[in-house]
C-alpha atoms as a PDB file:
ATOM      1  CA  UNK A   1      73.615 -78.697  11.780  1.00  0.00           C
ATOM      2  CA  UNK A   2      70.619 -76.944  10.259  1.00  0.00           C
ATOM      3  CA  UNK A   3      67.218 -78.481  10.839  1.00  0.00           C
ATOM      4  CA  UNK A   4      65.293 -78.861   7.589  1.00  0.00           C
ATOM      5  CA  UNK A   5      62.076 -80.599   6.613  1.00  0.00           C
ATOM      6  CA  UNK A   6      64.118 -83.260   4.758  1.00  0.00           C
ATOM      7  CA  UNK A   7      66.239 -84.041   7.811  1.00  0.00           C
ATOM      8  CA  UNK A   8      63.158 -84.240  10.021  1.00  0.00           C
ATOM      9  CA  UNK A   9      61.701 -87.011   7.863  1.00  0.00           C
ATOM     10  CA  UNK A  10      64.709 -89.188   8.760  1.00  0.00           C
ATOM     11  CA  UNK A  11      64.083 -88.723  12.494  1.00  0.00           C
ATOM     12  CA  UNK A  12      61.574 -91.554  12.433  1.00  0.00           C
ATOM     13  CA  UNK A  13      64.389 -94.118  12.333  1.00  0.00           C
ATOM     14  CA  UNK A  14      66.507 -92.585  15.138  1.00  0.00           C
ATOM     15  CA  UNK A  15      66.856 -94.105  18.577  1.00  0.00           C
ATOM     16  CA  UNK A  16      65.124 -92.317  21.425  1.00  0.00           C
ATOM     17  CA  UNK A  17      68.362 -90.831  22.761  1.00  0.00           C
ATOM     18  CA  UNK A  18      69.341 -89.430  19.352  1.00  0.00           C
ATOM     19  CA  UNK A  19      65.812 -88.194  18.772  1.00  0.00           C
ATOM     20  CA  UNK A  20      65.834 -86.426  22.135  1.00  0.00           C
ATOM     21  CA  UNK A  21      69.058 -84.629  21.167  1.00  0.00           C
ATOM     22  CA  UNK A  22      67.595 -83.517  17.825  1.00  0.00           C
ATOM     23  CA  UNK A  23      64.340 -82.414  19.435  1.00  0.00           C
ATOM     24  CA  UNK A  24      66.334 -80.381  21.972  1.00  0.00           C
ATOM     25  CA  UNK A  25      68.086 -78.644  19.059  1.00  0.00           C
ATOM     26  CA  UNK A  26      64.663 -77.932  17.595  1.00  0.00           C
ATOM     27  CA  UNK A  27      63.395 -76.579  20.933  1.00  0.00           C
ATOM     28  CA  UNK A  28      66.396 -74.276  21.308  1.00  0.00           C
ATOM     29  CA  UNK A  29      65.955 -73.017  17.721  1.00  0.00           C
ATOM     30  CA  UNK A  30      62.552 -71.548  18.802  1.00  0.00           C
ATOM     31  CA  UNK A  31      60.941 -71.886  15.385  1.00  0.00           C
ATOM     32  CA  UNK A  32      57.440 -70.506  14.872  1.00  0.00           C
ATOM     33  CA  UNK A  33      54.321 -72.665  14.768  1.00  0.00           C
ATOM     34  CA  UNK A  34      53.918 -72.296  11.027  1.00  0.00           C
ATOM     35  CA  UNK A  35      57.547 -73.169  10.221  1.00  0.00           C
ATOM     36  CA  UNK A  36      58.191 -75.848   7.573  1.00  0.00           C
ATOM     37  CA  UNK A  37      59.875 -78.144  10.111  1.00  0.00           C
ATOM     38  CA  UNK A  38      56.842 -78.237  12.413  1.00  0.00           C
ATOM     39  CA  UNK A  39      54.590 -78.791   9.411  1.00  0.00           C
ATOM     40  CA  UNK A  40      56.710 -81.782   8.342  1.00  0.00           C
ATOM     41  CA  UNK A  41      56.526 -83.252  11.855  1.00  0.00           C
ATOM     42  CA  UNK A  42      52.739 -82.768  12.061  1.00  0.00           C
ATOM     43  CA  UNK A  43      52.254 -84.524   8.714  1.00  0.00           C
ATOM     44  CA  UNK A  44      53.660 -87.808  10.085  1.00  0.00           C
ATOM     45  CA  UNK A  45      51.546 -88.956  13.060  1.00  0.00           C
ATOM     46  CA  UNK A  46      54.129 -91.512  14.227  1.00  0.00           C
ATOM     47  CA  UNK A  47      56.907 -88.934  14.202  1.00  0.00           C
ATOM     48  CA  UNK A  48      54.659 -86.400  15.947  1.00  0.00           C
ATOM     49  CA  UNK A  49      53.962 -88.929  18.719  1.00  0.00           C
ATOM     50  CA  UNK A  50      57.677 -89.700  19.111  1.00  0.00           C
ATOM     51  CA  UNK A  51      58.508 -85.981  19.257  1.00  0.00           C
ATOM     52  CA  UNK A  52      55.808 -85.473  21.925  1.00  0.00           C
ATOM     53  CA  UNK A  53      57.408 -88.292  23.920  1.00  0.00           C
ATOM     54  CA  UNK A  54      60.843 -86.725  23.525  1.00  0.00           C
ATOM     55  CA  UNK A  55      59.466 -83.357  24.674  1.00  0.00           C
ATOM     56  CA  UNK A  56      58.011 -85.016  27.761  1.00  0.00           C
ATOM     57  CA  UNK A  57      61.367 -86.648  28.450  1.00  0.00           C
ATOM     58  CA  UNK A  58      63.135 -83.322  28.047  1.00  0.00           C
ATOM     59  CA  UNK A  59      60.666 -81.706  30.427  1.00  0.00           C
ATOM     60  CA  UNK A  60      61.339 -84.303  33.113  1.00  0.00           C
ATOM     61  CA  UNK A  61      65.095 -84.061  32.517  1.00  0.00           C
ATOM     62  CA  UNK A  62      64.906 -80.298  33.103  1.00  0.00           C
ATOM     63  CA  UNK A  63      63.594 -80.835  36.638  1.00  0.00           C
ATOM     64  CA  UNK A  64      66.086 -79.738  39.234  1.00  0.00           C
ATOM     65  CA  UNK A  65      68.370 -77.827  36.890  1.00  0.00           C
ATOM     66  CA  UNK A  66      69.079 -74.179  37.474  1.00  0.00           C
ATOM     67  CA  UNK A  67      67.486 -73.322  34.105  1.00  0.00           C
ATOM     68  CA  UNK A  68      64.357 -75.387  34.753  1.00  0.00           C
ATOM     69  CA  UNK A  69      61.855 -72.553  34.286  1.00  0.00           C
ATOM     70  CA  UNK A  70      63.409 -71.398  31.019  1.00  0.00           C
ATOM     71  CA  UNK A  71      63.631 -74.942  29.638  1.00  0.00           C
ATOM     72  CA  UNK A  72      60.037 -75.719  30.558  1.00  0.00           C
ATOM     73  CA  UNK A  73      58.924 -72.505  28.871  1.00  0.00           C
ATOM     74  CA  UNK A  74      60.762 -73.442  25.672  1.00  0.00           C
ATOM     75  CA  UNK A  75      59.388 -76.994  25.791  1.00  0.00           C
ATOM     76  CA  UNK A  76      55.844 -75.694  26.299  1.00  0.00           C
ATOM     77  CA  UNK A  77      56.279 -73.429  23.256  1.00  0.00           C
ATOM     78  CA  UNK A  78      57.509 -76.427  21.240  1.00  0.00           C
ATOM     79  CA  UNK A  79      54.480 -78.487  22.322  1.00  0.00           C
ATOM     80  CA  UNK A  80      52.182 -75.673  21.198  1.00  0.00           C
ATOM     81  CA  UNK A  81      54.027 -75.491  17.874  1.00  0.00           C
ATOM     82  CA  UNK A  82      53.568 -79.243  17.478  1.00  0.00           C
ATOM     83  CA  UNK A  83      49.822 -78.891  18.057  1.00  0.00           C
ATOM     84  CA  UNK A  84      49.458 -76.616  15.038  1.00  0.00           C
ATOM     85  CA  UNK A  85      49.525 -73.052  13.808  1.00  0.00           C
ATOM     86  CA  UNK A  86      47.652 -70.467  15.809  1.00  0.00           C
ATOM     87  CA  UNK A  87      44.627 -68.826  14.228  1.00  0.00           C
ATOM     88  CA  UNK A  88      45.386 -65.500  12.665  1.00  0.00           C
ATOM     89  CA  UNK A  89      43.950 -62.351  14.176  1.00  0.00           C
ATOM     90  CA  UNK A  90      41.755 -61.838  11.092  1.00  0.00           C
ATOM     91  CA  UNK A  91      40.013 -65.174  11.665  1.00  0.00           C
ATOM     92  CA  UNK A  92      39.517 -64.412  15.340  1.00  0.00           C
ATOM     93  CA  UNK A  93      38.087 -60.973  14.570  1.00  0.00           C
ATOM     94  CA  UNK A  94      35.799 -62.391  11.854  1.00  0.00           C
ATOM     95  CA  UNK A  95      34.421 -64.910  14.339  1.00  0.00           C
ATOM     96  CA  UNK A  96      33.837 -62.153  16.888  1.00  0.00           C
ATOM     97  CA  UNK A  97      32.100 -59.854  14.397  1.00  0.00           C
ATOM     98  CA  UNK A  98      29.868 -62.502  12.789  1.00  0.00           C
ATOM     99  CA  UNK A  99      26.319 -61.739  13.943  1.00  0.00           C
ATOM    100  CA  UNK A 100      24.554 -64.542  15.737  1.00  0.00           C
ATOM    101  CA  UNK A 101      20.839 -65.113  15.062  1.00  0.00           C
ATOM    102  CA  UNK A 102      18.757 -63.711  17.875  1.00  0.00           C
ATOM    103  CA  UNK A 103      16.198 -65.822  19.642  1.00  0.00           C
ATOM    104  CA  UNK A 104      12.683 -64.493  19.232  1.00  0.00           C
ATOM    105  CA  UNK A 105      10.285 -64.928  22.114  1.00  0.00           C
ATOM    106  CA  UNK A 106       7.019 -66.583  21.119  1.00  0.00           C
ATOM    107  CA  UNK A 107       3.970 -64.341  21.231  1.00  0.00           C
ATOM    108  CA  UNK A 108       0.581 -65.412  22.463  1.00  0.00           C
ATOM    109  CA  UNK A 109      -2.196 -64.749  19.999  1.00  0.00           C
ATOM    110  CA  UNK A 110      -5.067 -65.495  22.367  1.00  0.00           C
ATOM    111  CA  UNK A 111      -5.735 -63.491  25.521  1.00  0.00           C
ATOM    112  CA  UNK A 112      -5.111 -65.142  28.875  1.00  0.00           C
ATOM    113  CA  UNK A 113      -8.194 -66.626  30.559  1.00  0.00           C
ATOM    114  CA  UNK A 114      -7.073 -65.219  33.941  1.00  0.00           C
ATOM    115  CA  UNK A 115      -8.266 -61.821  35.183  1.00  0.00           C
ATOM    116  CA  UNK A 116      -5.561 -59.080  35.190  1.00  0.00           C
ATOM    117  CA  UNK A 117      -4.980 -59.241  38.985  1.00  0.00           C
ATOM    118  CA  UNK A 118      -4.492 -63.009  38.965  1.00  0.00           C
ATOM    119  CA  UNK A 119      -2.269 -62.773  35.869  1.00  0.00           C
ATOM    120  CA  UNK A 120      -0.019 -60.204  37.612  1.00  0.00           C
ATOM    121  CA  UNK A 121       0.187 -62.399  40.726  1.00  0.00           C
ATOM    122  CA  UNK A 122       1.079 -65.433  38.617  1.00  0.00           C
ATOM    123  CA  UNK A 123       3.888 -63.573  36.839  1.00  0.00           C
ATOM    124  CA  UNK A 124       5.547 -62.210  39.982  1.00  0.00           C
ATOM    125  CA  UNK A 125       8.049 -64.640  41.466  1.00  0.00           C
ATOM    126  CA  UNK A 126       7.393 -65.618  45.028  1.00  0.00           C
ATOM    127  CA  UNK A 127      10.542 -65.465  47.089  1.00  0.00           C
ATOM    128  CA  UNK A 128      10.509 -67.426  50.288  1.00  0.00           C
ATOM    129  CA  UNK A 129      13.463 -66.123  52.224  1.00  0.00           C
ATOM    130  CA  UNK A 130      15.336 -68.870  53.985  1.00  0.00           C
ATOM    131  CA  UNK A 131      15.564 -68.196  57.701  1.00  0.00           C
ATOM    132  CA  UNK A 132      19.017 -66.987  58.637  1.00  0.00           C
ATOM    133  CA  UNK A 133      20.901 -69.584  60.589  1.00  0.00           C
ATOM    134  CA  UNK A 134      22.553 -68.246  63.644  1.00  0.00           C
ATOM    135  CA  UNK A 135      26.190 -69.224  63.667  1.00  0.00           C
ATOM    136  CA  UNK A 136      27.901 -69.202  67.015  1.00  0.00           C
ATOM    137  CA  UNK A 137      30.522 -66.474  67.322  1.00  0.00           C
ATOM    138  CA  UNK A 138      34.060 -67.686  67.006  1.00  0.00           C
ATOM    139  CA  UNK A 139      36.179 -67.414  70.117  1.00  0.00           C
ATOM    140  CA  UNK A 140      38.810 -64.745  69.990  1.00  0.00           C
ATOM    141  CA  UNK A 141      42.359 -65.992  70.005  1.00  0.00           C
ATOM    142  CA  UNK A 142      44.884 -63.854  71.831  1.00  0.00           C
ATOM    143  CA  UNK A 143      47.611 -62.462  69.645  1.00  0.00           C
ATOM    144  CA  UNK A 144      51.028 -63.989  70.243  1.00  0.00           C
ATOM    145  CA  UNK A 145      54.020 -61.710  70.264  1.00  0.00           C
ATOM    146  CA  UNK A 146      57.444 -63.253  69.883  1.00  0.00           C
ATOM    147  CA  UNK A 147      60.335 -61.613  71.623  1.00  0.00           C
ATOM    148  CA  UNK A 148      64.010 -62.119  71.112  1.00  0.00           C
ATOM    149  CA  UNK A 149      65.653 -64.076  73.953  1.00  0.00           C
END
C-alpha cells in the first residue's frame, strides 16, 4: 500500500496498534523531510503528536531485537523528518556570510587626571599568584602479574 498525503489524513481515526503499523511502514519507506507525507502530518498537530507517540512505541519495541541499532537509526530519522525540513545550505551560508555590526569602544574626550606613571600602574592587572598547595605523593602500587595455573 502506497503512503499518500490523503491516506495520512485518515490516520487520525486509527487505533494505536493500526497507527503503529502504518507509522512503521512510513519509517521503513525512509522518505525525506520535505516529502508531502511528512508535510501533511506536520499540518495536523493531533496527528503529529500521535505519530510521535507511535515512534516512541516503535523505539521501545525495537529494544532487544537483533536489528535494534538499525531500527533506532530509522526511527530517529523519522523523528527528525517529523520536526520539519532542514535548512538549505544556501540559507546556512547566507547566515554565516551576513556581517555582524562591530562593537565600537567608547573614546575618552578628556585627558585622565592621573599622572602617566599612575595611569600605567592602574591599567596593568595585578596578579596575585595563589600559593601552590603541596599534595602528598600517591603511594606506588605494585604491579600484579597473573600467571596461568
